[in-house]
Amino acid sequence: MDVILLERIARLGQMGDTVKVRDGYARNFLLPTGRALRANEANRAKFESQKTQLVQRNEERKSEAQEIAKGLEGRSFVAVRSAGETGQLYGSVSTRDIADLLAADGFKVGRNEIELRQPIKAIGVHAISVALHPEVSVLINVNVARSPDEAERQSRGEDLTSADAIYGIDEEEEFDEDEEAEGEATEEEGTETAAPDAEEEADEAR
């Protein structure tokens, strides 16, 4: 479908451009949200007559997006999900889930504004771009974990998908066990060395 853009759309074009898009994208997003008009002579004339108001509206939306961006930039949001030992989720975290997380914290962001190429399917801290406006984007972190405690550990930089984390191996304990084993081996060697000396002393006494 050919449409006339009523604002700049990333990877599509600038305000006033006539571009070809998928029918579903036009019907489900561009047209109902007022971001485009069907491309025809009547709508082209309508755009030209309303261009000044559209530019003003775009500036207002941009200012609103910038205000939201100030509160969102760099924020971290926790999503608790069930996952296996290797960190693979039994389900996934979608754009709708992320929009709900933001809404729960007072940020009204549409799922179409969340730039996620495919649903998140593993635990970890994921950097996600949110396009609040064609000219305003921010990065947020979505901390997907099996519990709030694990989310806190991941926020400190711990990798819960590593072998050590999965099997509960403590590097310090492992080191201590190695030292202890070396100590026992040294003691055994000392005992073996002392035995011949004891025999020599017995011979001299005789």
N, C-alpha and C. Protein backbone atom coordinates (compact mmCIF):
# COMPACT_ATOMS: atom_id res chain seq x y z
N MET A 1 0.84 -1.20 0.00
CA MET A 1 0.00 0.00 0.00
C MET A 1 0.88 1.26 0.00
N ASP A 2 0.51 2.26 -0.79
CA ASP A 2 1.22 3.54 -0.80
C ASP A 2 0.58 4.48 0.20
N VAL A 3 1.42 5.12 1.03
CA VAL A 3 0.91 6.05 2.04
C VAL A 3 1.72 7.34 2.03
N ILE A 4 1.10 8.39 2.55
CA ILE A 4 1.79 9.68 2.72
C ILE A 4 2.14 9.80 4.20
N LEU A 5 3.42 9.94 4.50
CA LEU A 5 3.85 10.02 5.89
C LEU A 5 3.52 11.39 6.48
N LEU A 6 2.92 11.36 7.67
CA LEU A 6 2.57 12.61 8.36
C LEU A 6 3.62 12.99 9.39
N GLU A 7 4.66 12.17 9.51
CA GLU A 7 5.82 12.48 10.36
C GLU A 7 6.98 11.61 9.88
N ARG A 8 8.16 11.95 10.35
CA ARG A 8 9.33 11.15 9.96
C ARG A 8 9.23 9.77 10.61
N ILE A 9 9.41 8.72 9.80
CA ILE A 9 9.39 7.35 10.30
C ILE A 9 10.73 6.71 9.97
N ALA A 10 11.40 6.21 10.99
CA ALA A 10 12.72 5.61 10.80
C ALA A 10 12.67 4.50 9.74
N ARG A 11 13.65 4.52 8.85
CA ARG A 11 13.80 3.53 7.77
C ARG A 11 12.69 3.58 6.73
N LEU A 12 11.80 4.59 6.83
CA LEU A 12 10.76 4.74 5.82
C LEU A 12 10.91 6.04 5.04
N GLY A 13 10.92 7.16 5.77
CA GLY A 13 11.04 8.43 5.08
C GLY A 13 10.68 9.62 5.95
N GLN A 14 10.68 10.81 5.34
CA GLN A 14 10.40 12.05 6.05
C GLN A 14 8.92 12.42 5.91
N MET A 15 8.50 13.37 6.72
CA MET A 15 7.14 13.89 6.63
C MET A 15 6.84 14.36 5.20
N GLY A 16 5.71 13.93 4.68
CA GLY A 16 5.31 14.32 3.33
C GLY A 16 5.73 13.35 2.24
N ASP A 17 6.62 12.41 2.57
CA ASP A 17 7.05 11.42 1.57
C ASP A 17 5.93 10.42 1.28
N THR A 18 5.85 9.98 0.04
CA THR A 18 4.94 8.90 -0.33
C THR A 18 5.77 7.63 -0.43
N VAL A 19 5.43 6.64 0.38
CA VAL A 19 6.22 5.41 0.43
C VAL A 19 5.30 4.19 0.34
N LYS A 20 5.88 3.08 -0.06
CA LYS A 20 5.13 1.82 -0.17
C LYS A 20 5.44 0.97 1.06
N VAL A 21 4.41 0.50 1.75
CA VAL A 21 4.57 -0.33 2.94
C VAL A 21 3.66 -1.55 2.85
N ARG A 22 3.90 -2.48 3.76
CA ARG A 22 3.02 -3.66 3.82
C ARG A 22 1.62 -3.23 4.25
N ASP A 23 0.61 -3.88 3.68
CA ASP A 23 -0.77 -3.54 3.99
C ASP A 23 -1.05 -3.65 5.49
N GLY A 24 -0.58 -4.73 6.11
CA GLY A 24 -0.82 -4.93 7.54
C GLY A 24 -0.20 -3.84 8.39
N TYR A 25 1.01 -3.41 8.03
CA TYR A 25 1.71 -2.35 8.78
C TYR A 25 0.94 -1.04 8.67
N ALA A 26 0.40 -0.78 7.49
CA ALA A 26 -0.37 0.45 7.28
C ALA A 26 -1.68 0.41 8.06
N ARG A 27 -2.42 -0.68 7.93
CA ARG A 27 -3.75 -0.78 8.56
C ARG A 27 -3.68 -0.89 10.08
N ASN A 28 -2.66 -1.58 10.58
CA ASN A 28 -2.58 -1.84 12.03
C ASN A 28 -1.79 -0.80 12.81
N PHE A 29 -0.97 -0.01 12.10
CA PHE A 29 -0.12 0.94 12.83
C PHE A 29 -0.14 2.35 12.24
N LEU A 30 0.31 2.51 11.02
CA LEU A 30 0.48 3.85 10.46
C LEU A 30 -0.83 4.64 10.35
N LEU A 31 -1.87 4.02 9.79
CA LEU A 31 -3.13 4.75 9.59
C LEU A 31 -3.89 4.99 10.90
N PRO A 32 -4.10 3.98 11.76
CA PRO A 32 -4.88 4.22 13.00
C PRO A 32 -4.18 5.14 14.00
N THR A 33 -2.85 5.22 13.95
CA THR A 33 -2.14 6.09 14.90
C THR A 33 -1.91 7.50 14.33
N GLY A 34 -2.44 7.76 13.14
CA GLY A 34 -2.32 9.09 12.57
C GLY A 34 -0.95 9.44 12.06
N ARG A 35 -0.16 8.42 11.73
CA ARG A 35 1.19 8.67 11.24
C ARG A 35 1.27 8.72 9.71
N ALA A 36 0.17 8.35 9.07
CA ALA A 36 0.17 8.36 7.60
C ALA A 36 -1.27 8.41 7.07
N LEU A 37 -1.37 8.75 5.79
CA LEU A 37 -2.66 8.75 5.08
C LEU A 37 -2.48 7.89 3.82
N ARG A 38 -3.58 7.28 3.37
CA ARG A 38 -3.51 6.56 2.11
C ARG A 38 -3.10 7.54 1.01
N ALA A 39 -2.25 7.09 0.13
CA ALA A 39 -1.75 7.98 -0.92
C ALA A 39 -2.78 8.12 -2.05
N ASN A 40 -3.39 9.30 -2.12
CA ASN A 40 -4.28 9.64 -3.25
C ASN A 40 -4.29 11.16 -3.35
N GLU A 41 -4.91 11.67 -4.41
CA GLU A 41 -4.88 13.11 -4.64
C GLU A 41 -5.57 13.89 -3.53
N ALA A 42 -6.69 13.37 -3.03
CA ALA A 42 -7.43 14.07 -1.98
C ALA A 42 -6.59 14.18 -0.71
N ASN A 43 -5.93 13.09 -0.34
CA ASN A 43 -5.12 13.12 0.89
C ASN A 43 -3.84 13.93 0.70
N ARG A 44 -3.32 13.98 -0.52
CA ARG A 44 -2.14 14.83 -0.78
C ARG A 44 -2.53 16.29 -0.58
N ALA A 45 -3.69 16.68 -1.07
CA ALA A 45 -4.16 18.06 -0.88
C ALA A 45 -4.42 18.33 0.60
N LYS A 46 -4.96 17.34 1.30
CA LYS A 46 -5.22 17.47 2.73
C LYS A 46 -3.92 17.68 3.50
N PHE A 47 -2.89 16.92 3.12
CA PHE A 47 -1.59 17.05 3.78
C PHE A 47 -1.03 18.46 3.58
N GLU A 48 -1.09 18.96 2.34
CA GLU A 48 -0.52 20.27 2.05
C GLU A 48 -1.24 21.37 2.84
N SER A 49 -2.56 21.21 3.00
CA SER A 49 -3.32 22.24 3.72
C SER A 49 -3.07 22.19 5.23
N GLN A 50 -2.65 21.01 5.73
CA GLN A 50 -2.45 20.85 7.16
C GLN A 50 -0.98 20.77 7.55
N LYS A 51 -0.10 21.03 6.61
CA LYS A 51 1.33 20.83 6.84
C LYS A 51 1.84 21.64 8.03
N THR A 52 1.41 22.89 8.15
CA THR A 52 1.88 23.74 9.26
C THR A 52 1.48 23.15 10.60
N GLN A 53 0.21 22.72 10.71
CA GLN A 53 -0.26 22.12 11.95
C GLN A 53 0.46 20.79 12.25
N LEU A 54 0.75 20.04 11.18
CA LEU A 54 1.44 18.76 11.37
C LEU A 54 2.86 18.96 11.88
N VAL A 55 3.52 19.99 11.36
CA VAL A 55 4.88 20.30 11.84
C VAL A 55 4.84 20.69 13.32
N GLN A 56 3.86 21.49 13.69
CA GLN A 56 3.70 21.90 15.08
C GLN A 56 3.41 20.69 15.98
N ARG A 57 2.52 19.82 15.51
CA ARG A 57 2.18 18.63 16.29
C ARG A 57 3.40 17.73 16.47
N ASN A 58 4.20 17.64 15.43
CA ASN A 58 5.41 16.83 15.50
C ASN A 58 6.37 17.37 16.55
N GLU A 59 6.50 18.69 16.62
CA GLU A 59 7.39 19.29 17.61
C GLU A 59 6.89 19.05 19.03
N GLU A 60 5.56 19.06 19.20
CA GLU A 60 4.98 18.80 20.52
C GLU A 60 5.25 17.35 20.94
N ARG A 61 5.05 16.43 20.01
CA ARG A 61 5.31 15.02 20.30
C ARG A 61 6.79 14.80 20.63
N LYS A 62 7.65 15.50 19.91
CA LYS A 62 9.09 15.37 20.15
C LYS A 62 9.44 15.85 21.55
N SER A 63 8.85 16.97 21.98
CA SER A 63 9.12 17.50 23.33
C SER A 63 8.62 16.54 24.40
N GLU A 64 7.43 15.95 24.17
CA GLU A 64 6.90 14.97 25.12
C GLU A 64 7.81 13.75 25.21
N ALA A 65 8.29 13.31 24.06
CA ALA A 65 9.18 12.14 24.02
C ALA A 65 10.49 12.43 24.75
N GLN A 66 11.00 13.63 24.60
CA GLN A 66 12.25 14.00 25.27
C GLN A 66 12.09 14.00 26.79
N GLU A 67 10.91 14.40 27.27
CA GLU A 67 10.65 14.38 28.71
C GLU A 67 10.61 12.96 29.23
N ILE A 68 9.95 12.07 28.48
CA ILE A 68 9.89 10.67 28.88
C ILE A 68 11.29 10.05 28.83
N ALA A 69 12.06 10.44 27.82
CA ALA A 69 13.41 9.91 27.66
C ALA A 69 14.29 10.22 28.86
N LYS A 70 14.11 11.40 29.45
CA LYS A 70 14.93 11.78 30.61
C LYS A 70 14.73 10.80 31.78
N GLY A 71 13.49 10.32 31.93
CA GLY A 71 13.21 9.39 33.01
C GLY A 71 13.56 7.95 32.69
N LEU A 72 13.63 7.63 31.39
CA LEU A 72 13.87 6.25 30.99
C LEU A 72 15.33 5.91 30.74
N GLU A 73 16.10 6.86 30.27
CA GLU A 73 17.47 6.60 29.84
C GLU A 73 18.27 5.85 30.90
N GLY A 74 18.77 4.66 30.51
CA GLY A 74 19.63 3.89 31.39
C GLY A 74 18.92 3.12 32.49
N ARG A 75 17.60 3.22 32.56
CA ARG A 75 16.86 2.52 33.62
C ARG A 75 16.88 1.01 33.39
N SER A 76 16.75 0.26 34.48
CA SER A 76 16.71 -1.19 34.41
C SER A 76 15.36 -1.69 34.92
N PHE A 77 14.78 -2.64 34.19
CA PHE A 77 13.48 -3.20 34.57
C PHE A 77 13.62 -4.72 34.70
N VAL A 78 13.10 -5.25 35.79
CA VAL A 78 13.25 -6.68 36.08
C VAL A 78 12.04 -7.48 35.61
N ALA A 79 12.31 -8.55 34.89
CA ALA A 79 11.26 -9.48 34.44
C ALA A 79 11.59 -10.85 35.03
N VAL A 80 10.79 -11.31 35.97
CA VAL A 80 11.02 -12.63 36.59
C VAL A 80 10.30 -13.68 35.76
N ARG A 81 11.06 -14.67 35.29
CA ARG A 81 10.50 -15.73 34.45
C ARG A 81 11.07 -17.09 34.84
N SER A 82 10.33 -18.15 34.54
CA SER A 82 10.81 -19.51 34.78
C SER A 82 11.81 -19.87 33.70
N ALA A 83 12.90 -20.54 34.12
CA ALA A 83 13.93 -20.92 33.16
C ALA A 83 14.64 -22.18 33.65
N GLY A 84 15.29 -22.88 32.73
CA GLY A 84 16.05 -24.08 33.07
C GLY A 84 17.40 -23.72 33.65
N GLU A 85 18.19 -24.76 33.98
CA GLU A 85 19.49 -24.54 34.61
C GLU A 85 20.45 -23.77 33.71
N THR A 86 20.32 -23.95 32.40
CA THR A 86 21.23 -23.27 31.47
C THR A 86 20.81 -21.83 31.19
N GLY A 87 19.66 -21.43 31.74
CA GLY A 87 19.21 -20.05 31.56
C GLY A 87 18.20 -19.85 30.45
N GLN A 88 17.85 -20.91 29.72
CA GLN A 88 16.85 -20.81 28.65
C GLN A 88 15.46 -20.68 29.26
N LEU A 89 14.71 -19.68 28.82
CA LEU A 89 13.36 -19.46 29.36
C LEU A 89 12.41 -20.54 28.86
N TYR A 90 11.44 -20.89 29.69
CA TYR A 90 10.41 -21.82 29.26
C TYR A 90 9.43 -21.10 28.32
N GLY A 91 9.35 -19.79 28.44
CA GLY A 91 8.54 -18.98 27.55
C GLY A 91 9.43 -17.95 26.87
N SER A 92 9.02 -16.70 26.86
CA SER A 92 9.84 -15.63 26.29
C SER A 92 9.35 -14.29 26.82
N VAL A 93 10.14 -13.25 26.57
CA VAL A 93 9.76 -11.88 26.95
C VAL A 93 9.59 -11.10 25.65
N SER A 94 8.37 -10.63 25.40
CA SER A 94 8.04 -9.95 24.14
C SER A 94 7.98 -8.44 24.32
N THR A 95 7.72 -7.74 23.22
CA THR A 95 7.57 -6.29 23.28
C THR A 95 6.38 -5.91 24.17
N ARG A 96 5.33 -6.72 24.13
CA ARG A 96 4.17 -6.45 24.99
C ARG A 96 4.55 -6.56 26.47
N ASP A 97 5.35 -7.58 26.80
CA ASP A 97 5.80 -7.76 28.19
C ASP A 97 6.62 -6.56 28.65
N ILE A 98 7.51 -6.07 27.77
CA ILE A 98 8.36 -4.93 28.12
C ILE A 98 7.52 -3.67 28.29
N ALA A 99 6.55 -3.49 27.40
CA ALA A 99 5.65 -2.33 27.50
C ALA A 99 4.90 -2.38 28.83
N ASP A 100 4.49 -3.58 29.26
CA ASP A 100 3.79 -3.73 30.54
C ASP A 100 4.70 -3.40 31.71
N LEU A 101 5.97 -3.80 31.62
CA LEU A 101 6.95 -3.49 32.68
C LEU A 101 7.10 -1.97 32.83
N LEU A 102 7.20 -1.29 31.70
CA LEU A 102 7.35 0.16 31.71
C LEU A 102 6.09 0.83 32.25
N ALA A 103 4.93 0.32 31.83
CA ALA A 103 3.65 0.89 32.27
C ALA A 103 3.50 0.75 33.78
N ALA A 104 3.95 -0.38 34.34
CA ALA A 104 3.85 -0.61 35.78
C ALA A 104 4.69 0.40 36.56
N ASP A 105 5.69 0.97 35.88
CA ASP A 105 6.55 1.96 36.52
C ASP A 105 6.17 3.39 36.11
N GLY A 106 5.01 3.52 35.45
CA GLY A 106 4.50 4.85 35.11
C GLY A 106 4.89 5.40 33.76
N PHE A 107 5.49 4.56 32.89
CA PHE A 107 5.91 5.03 31.57
C PHE A 107 4.98 4.46 30.50
N LYS A 108 4.28 5.34 29.80
CA LYS A 108 3.36 4.90 28.76
C LYS A 108 4.12 4.81 27.44
N VAL A 109 4.45 3.58 27.05
CA VAL A 109 5.20 3.34 25.83
C VAL A 109 4.50 2.24 25.04
N GLY A 110 4.27 2.49 23.76
CA GLY A 110 3.62 1.50 22.92
C GLY A 110 4.56 0.37 22.56
N ARG A 111 4.02 -0.82 22.40
CA ARG A 111 4.85 -1.98 22.05
C ARG A 111 5.57 -1.78 20.73
N ASN A 112 4.96 -0.98 19.81
CA ASN A 112 5.59 -0.71 18.52
C ASN A 112 6.80 0.21 18.65
N GLU A 113 6.93 0.85 19.80
CA GLU A 113 8.07 1.75 20.02
C GLU A 113 9.27 1.02 20.60
N ILE A 114 9.07 -0.23 20.97
CA ILE A 114 10.15 -1.04 21.55
C ILE A 114 10.82 -1.82 20.43
N GLU A 115 12.10 -1.56 20.20
CA GLU A 115 12.81 -2.17 19.08
C GLU A 115 13.44 -3.49 19.51
N LEU A 116 12.68 -4.55 19.32
CA LEU A 116 13.11 -5.89 19.68
C LEU A 116 12.91 -6.79 18.47
N ARG A 117 14.00 -7.24 17.87
CA ARG A 117 13.90 -8.01 16.63
C ARG A 117 13.22 -9.36 16.86
N GLN A 118 13.49 -9.97 18.01
CA GLN A 118 12.85 -11.23 18.35
C GLN A 118 12.71 -11.32 19.86
N PRO A 119 11.72 -12.08 20.35
CA PRO A 119 11.50 -12.17 21.80
C PRO A 119 12.75 -12.65 22.54
N ILE A 120 12.92 -12.20 23.76
CA ILE A 120 14.04 -12.62 24.61
C ILE A 120 13.75 -14.03 25.12
N LYS A 121 14.71 -14.95 24.96
CA LYS A 121 14.48 -16.35 25.33
C LYS A 121 15.50 -16.89 26.32
N ALA A 122 16.28 -15.99 26.95
CA ALA A 122 17.27 -16.44 27.93
C ALA A 122 17.41 -15.40 29.03
N ILE A 123 17.79 -15.85 30.22
CA ILE A 123 18.00 -14.92 31.32
C ILE A 123 19.23 -14.07 31.01
N GLY A 124 19.36 -12.96 31.71
CA GLY A 124 20.47 -12.05 31.49
C GLY A 124 19.98 -10.61 31.44
N VAL A 125 20.92 -9.68 31.33
CA VAL A 125 20.59 -8.27 31.22
C VAL A 125 20.67 -7.88 29.75
N HIS A 126 19.53 -7.50 29.19
CA HIS A 126 19.44 -7.21 27.76
C HIS A 126 19.23 -5.71 27.53
N ALA A 127 20.08 -5.11 26.70
CA ALA A 127 19.95 -3.70 26.34
C ALA A 127 18.92 -3.57 25.21
N ILE A 128 17.89 -2.76 25.45
CA ILE A 128 16.80 -2.61 24.48
C ILE A 128 16.65 -1.13 24.11
N SER A 129 16.51 -0.86 22.82
CA SER A 129 16.29 0.50 22.35
C SER A 129 14.79 0.78 22.29
N VAL A 130 14.41 1.96 22.78
CA VAL A 130 13.00 2.38 22.74
C VAL A 130 12.92 3.66 21.92
N ALA A 131 12.18 3.60 20.80
CA ALA A 131 12.03 4.75 19.91
C ALA A 131 10.77 5.51 20.32
N LEU A 132 10.93 6.49 21.18
CA LEU A 132 9.80 7.27 21.68
C LEU A 132 9.25 8.23 20.64
N HIS A 133 10.10 8.54 19.68
CA HIS A 133 9.77 9.47 18.60
C HIS A 133 10.79 9.21 17.50
N PRO A 134 10.47 9.51 16.24
CA PRO A 134 11.44 9.27 15.19
C PRO A 134 12.80 9.92 15.44
N GLU A 135 12.83 10.96 16.26
CA GLU A 135 14.09 11.65 16.54
C GLU A 135 14.53 11.49 17.99
N VAL A 136 13.84 10.64 18.75
CA VAL A 136 14.19 10.46 20.17
C VAL A 136 14.18 8.97 20.52
N SER A 137 15.35 8.43 20.81
CA SER A 137 15.47 7.04 21.22
C SER A 137 16.29 6.95 22.50
N VAL A 138 15.98 5.95 23.32
CA VAL A 138 16.73 5.74 24.55
C VAL A 138 17.05 4.25 24.70
N LEU A 139 18.05 3.95 25.52
CA LEU A 139 18.40 2.57 25.82
C LEU A 139 17.98 2.25 27.25
N ILE A 140 17.32 1.11 27.42
CA ILE A 140 16.98 0.63 28.74
C ILE A 140 17.54 -0.78 28.89
N ASN A 141 17.61 -1.27 30.12
CA ASN A 141 18.05 -2.64 30.36
C ASN A 141 16.87 -3.45 30.89
N VAL A 142 16.68 -4.61 30.30
CA VAL A 142 15.65 -5.54 30.79
C VAL A 142 16.39 -6.72 31.43
N ASN A 143 16.28 -6.81 32.75
CA ASN A 143 16.98 -7.81 33.54
C ASN A 143 16.06 -9.02 33.71
N VAL A 144 16.26 -10.04 32.89
CA VAL A 144 15.42 -11.24 32.93
C VAL A 144 16.08 -12.27 33.85
N ALA A 145 15.38 -12.67 34.91
CA ALA A 145 15.96 -13.59 35.88
C ALA A 145 14.89 -14.52 36.44
N ARG A 146 15.35 -15.56 37.14
CA ARG A 146 14.42 -16.53 37.72
C ARG A 146 13.86 -16.08 39.06
N SER A 147 14.47 -15.05 39.65
CA SER A 147 14.00 -14.53 40.94
C SER A 147 14.58 -13.13 41.13
N PRO A 148 14.00 -12.34 42.04
CA PRO A 148 14.56 -11.01 42.33
C PRO A 148 16.00 -11.10 42.80
N ASP A 149 16.33 -12.15 43.56
CA ASP A 149 17.70 -12.32 44.05
C ASP A 149 18.67 -12.51 42.88
N GLU A 150 18.28 -13.35 41.90
CA GLU A 150 19.13 -13.55 40.74
C GLU A 150 19.25 -12.27 39.91
N ALA A 151 18.17 -11.52 39.85
CA ALA A 151 18.21 -10.25 39.11
C ALA A 151 19.22 -9.31 39.75
N GLU A 152 19.27 -9.29 41.08
CA GLU A 152 20.23 -8.44 41.79
C GLU A 152 21.66 -8.90 41.50
N ARG A 153 21.88 -10.20 41.48
CA ARG A 153 23.22 -10.73 41.17
C ARG A 153 23.63 -10.38 39.75
N GLN A 154 22.68 -10.48 38.82
CA GLN A 154 22.98 -10.14 37.42
C GLN A 154 23.27 -8.66 37.27
N SER A 155 22.59 -7.82 38.06
CA SER A 155 22.82 -6.38 37.97
C SER A 155 24.23 -6.02 38.43
N ARG A 156 24.82 -6.90 39.25
CA ARG A 156 26.21 -6.68 39.71
C ARG A 156 27.22 -7.26 38.73
N GLY A 157 26.72 -7.82 37.64
CA GLY A 157 27.62 -8.33 36.61
C GLY A 157 27.86 -9.82 36.64
N GLU A 158 27.16 -10.55 37.52
CA GLU A 158 27.36 -12.00 37.61
C GLU A 158 26.65 -12.70 36.45
N ASP A 159 27.36 -13.67 35.86
CA ASP A 159 26.79 -14.45 34.76
C ASP A 159 26.21 -15.74 35.33
N LEU A 160 24.89 -15.83 35.38
CA LEU A 160 24.24 -17.00 35.98
C LEU A 160 24.07 -18.15 35.00
N THR A 161 24.57 -17.98 33.78
CA THR A 161 24.49 -19.08 32.81
C THR A 161 25.83 -19.80 32.71
N SER A 162 26.84 -19.35 33.47
CA SER A 162 28.15 -20.00 33.42
C SER A 162 28.10 -21.32 34.19
N ALA A 163 29.06 -22.20 33.94
CA ALA A 163 29.10 -23.50 34.61
C ALA A 163 29.24 -23.33 36.13
N ASP A 164 30.07 -22.37 36.55
CA ASP A 164 30.27 -22.14 37.98
C ASP A 164 28.96 -21.78 38.65
N ALA A 165 28.17 -20.90 38.00
CA ALA A 165 26.91 -20.46 38.59
C ALA A 165 25.88 -21.59 38.59
N ILE A 166 25.87 -22.38 37.51
CA ILE A 166 24.89 -23.45 37.39
C ILE A 166 25.11 -24.53 38.43
N TYR A 167 26.41 -24.93 38.61
CA TYR A 167 26.69 -26.04 39.52
C TYR A 167 27.16 -25.58 40.90
N GLY A 168 27.14 -24.28 41.14
CA GLY A 168 27.46 -23.77 42.47
C GLY A 168 28.92 -23.90 42.84
N ILE A 169 29.83 -23.86 41.87
CA ILE A 169 31.26 -23.99 42.16
C ILE A 169 31.80 -22.66 42.64
N ASP A 170 32.45 -22.68 43.77
CA ASP A 170 33.06 -21.48 44.34
C ASP A 170 34.55 -21.54 44.06
N GLU A 171 35.09 -20.53 43.34
CA GLU A 171 36.50 -20.55 42.97
C GLU A 171 37.41 -20.59 44.18
N GLU A 172 37.06 -19.86 45.28
CA GLU A 172 37.90 -19.85 46.47
C GLU A 172 37.91 -21.21 47.14
N GLU A 173 36.72 -21.86 47.20
CA GLU A 173 36.65 -23.18 47.81
C GLU A 173 37.46 -24.17 46.98
N GLU A 174 37.37 -24.07 45.65
CA GLU A 174 38.10 -24.97 44.77
C GLU A 174 39.60 -24.79 44.97
N PHE A 175 40.03 -23.53 45.16
CA PHE A 175 41.44 -23.24 45.38
C PHE A 175 41.91 -23.83 46.69
N ASP A 176 41.08 -23.68 47.75
CA ASP A 176 41.43 -24.21 49.06
C ASP A 176 41.57 -25.73 49.02
N GLU A 177 40.66 -26.38 48.26
CA GLU A 177 40.72 -27.84 48.16
C GLU A 177 42.00 -28.27 47.47
N ASP A 178 42.43 -27.53 46.43
CA ASP A 178 43.67 -27.86 45.74
C ASP A 178 44.86 -27.72 46.67
N GLU A 179 44.88 -26.64 47.49
CA GLU A 179 45.98 -26.43 48.42
C GLU A 179 46.04 -27.54 49.45
N GLU A 180 44.85 -27.95 49.94
CA GLU A 180 44.78 -29.00 50.94
C GLU A 180 45.32 -30.31 50.38
N ALA A 181 44.94 -30.60 49.11
CA ALA A 181 45.40 -31.83 48.48
C ALA A 181 46.92 -31.82 48.32
N GLU A 182 47.47 -30.64 47.94
CA GLU A 182 48.92 -30.52 47.80
C GLU A 182 49.62 -30.71 49.13
N GLY A 183 49.00 -30.19 50.20
CA GLY A 183 49.58 -30.32 51.54
C GLY A 183 49.63 -31.77 51.98
N GLU A 184 48.55 -32.51 51.71
CA GLU A 184 48.52 -33.92 52.09
C GLU A 184 49.58 -34.69 51.32
N ALA A 185 49.75 -34.37 50.05
CA ALA A 185 50.75 -35.07 49.24
C ALA A 185 52.15 -34.81 49.77
N THR A 186 52.41 -33.57 50.22
CA THR A 186 53.73 -33.22 50.75
C THR A 186 54.01 -33.99 52.03
N GLU A 187 52.99 -34.11 52.90
CA GLU A 187 53.15 -34.84 54.16
C GLU A 187 53.47 -36.30 53.89
N GLU A 188 52.80 -36.91 52.89
CA GLU A 188 53.04 -38.29 52.56
C GLU A 188 54.47 -38.47 52.07
N GLU A 189 54.94 -37.51 51.23
CA GLU A 189 56.31 -37.59 50.73
C GLU A 189 57.30 -37.50 51.88
N GLY A 190 57.01 -36.64 52.88
CA GLY A 190 57.89 -36.49 54.04
C GLY A 190 57.97 -37.76 54.84
N THR A 191 56.85 -38.46 54.97
CA THR A 191 56.82 -39.71 55.73
C THR A 191 57.65 -40.76 55.04
N GLU A 192 57.52 -40.83 53.70
CA GLU A 192 58.29 -41.82 52.96
C GLU A 192 59.78 -41.53 53.05
N THR A 193 60.16 -40.25 53.09
CA THR A 193 61.57 -39.89 53.16
C THR A 193 62.15 -40.21 54.52
N ALA A 194 61.33 -40.06 55.56
CA ALA A 194 61.80 -40.27 56.93
C ALA A 194 62.04 -41.74 57.21
N ALA A 195 61.36 -42.65 56.54
CA ALA A 195 61.47 -44.08 56.83
C ALA A 195 62.88 -44.61 56.65
N PRO A 196 63.58 -44.33 55.57
CA PRO A 196 64.95 -44.83 55.39
C PRO A 196 65.88 -44.31 56.47
N ASP A 197 65.72 -43.05 56.91
CA ASP A 197 66.57 -42.48 57.96
C ASP A 197 66.42 -43.28 59.24
N ALA A 198 65.19 -43.68 59.55
CA ALA A 198 64.95 -44.44 60.78
C ALA A 198 65.64 -45.79 60.71
N GLU A 199 65.66 -46.41 59.53
CA GLU A 199 66.31 -47.70 59.36
C GLU A 199 67.82 -47.57 59.54
N GLU A 200 68.41 -46.48 59.00
CA GLU A 200 69.85 -46.27 59.13
C GLU A 200 70.25 -46.10 60.59
N GLU A 201 69.44 -45.35 61.38
CA GLU A 201 69.73 -45.17 62.78
C GLU A 201 69.70 -46.49 63.54
N ALA A 202 68.76 -47.37 63.15
CA ALA A 202 68.65 -48.69 63.81
C ALA A 202 69.88 -49.52 63.53
N ASP A 203 70.41 -49.46 62.27
CA ASP A 203 71.60 -50.22 61.91
C ASP A 203 72.80 -49.75 62.69
N GLU A 204 72.94 -48.41 62.86
CA GLU A 204 74.09 -47.87 63.60
C GLU A 204 74.03 -48.29 65.06
N ALA A 205 72.80 -48.35 65.61
CA ALA A 205 72.68 -48.72 67.02
C ALA A 205 73.11 -50.16 67.22
N ARG A 206 72.89 -51.01 66.18
CA ARG A 206 73.29 -52.41 66.30
C ARG A 206 74.79 -52.54 66.13
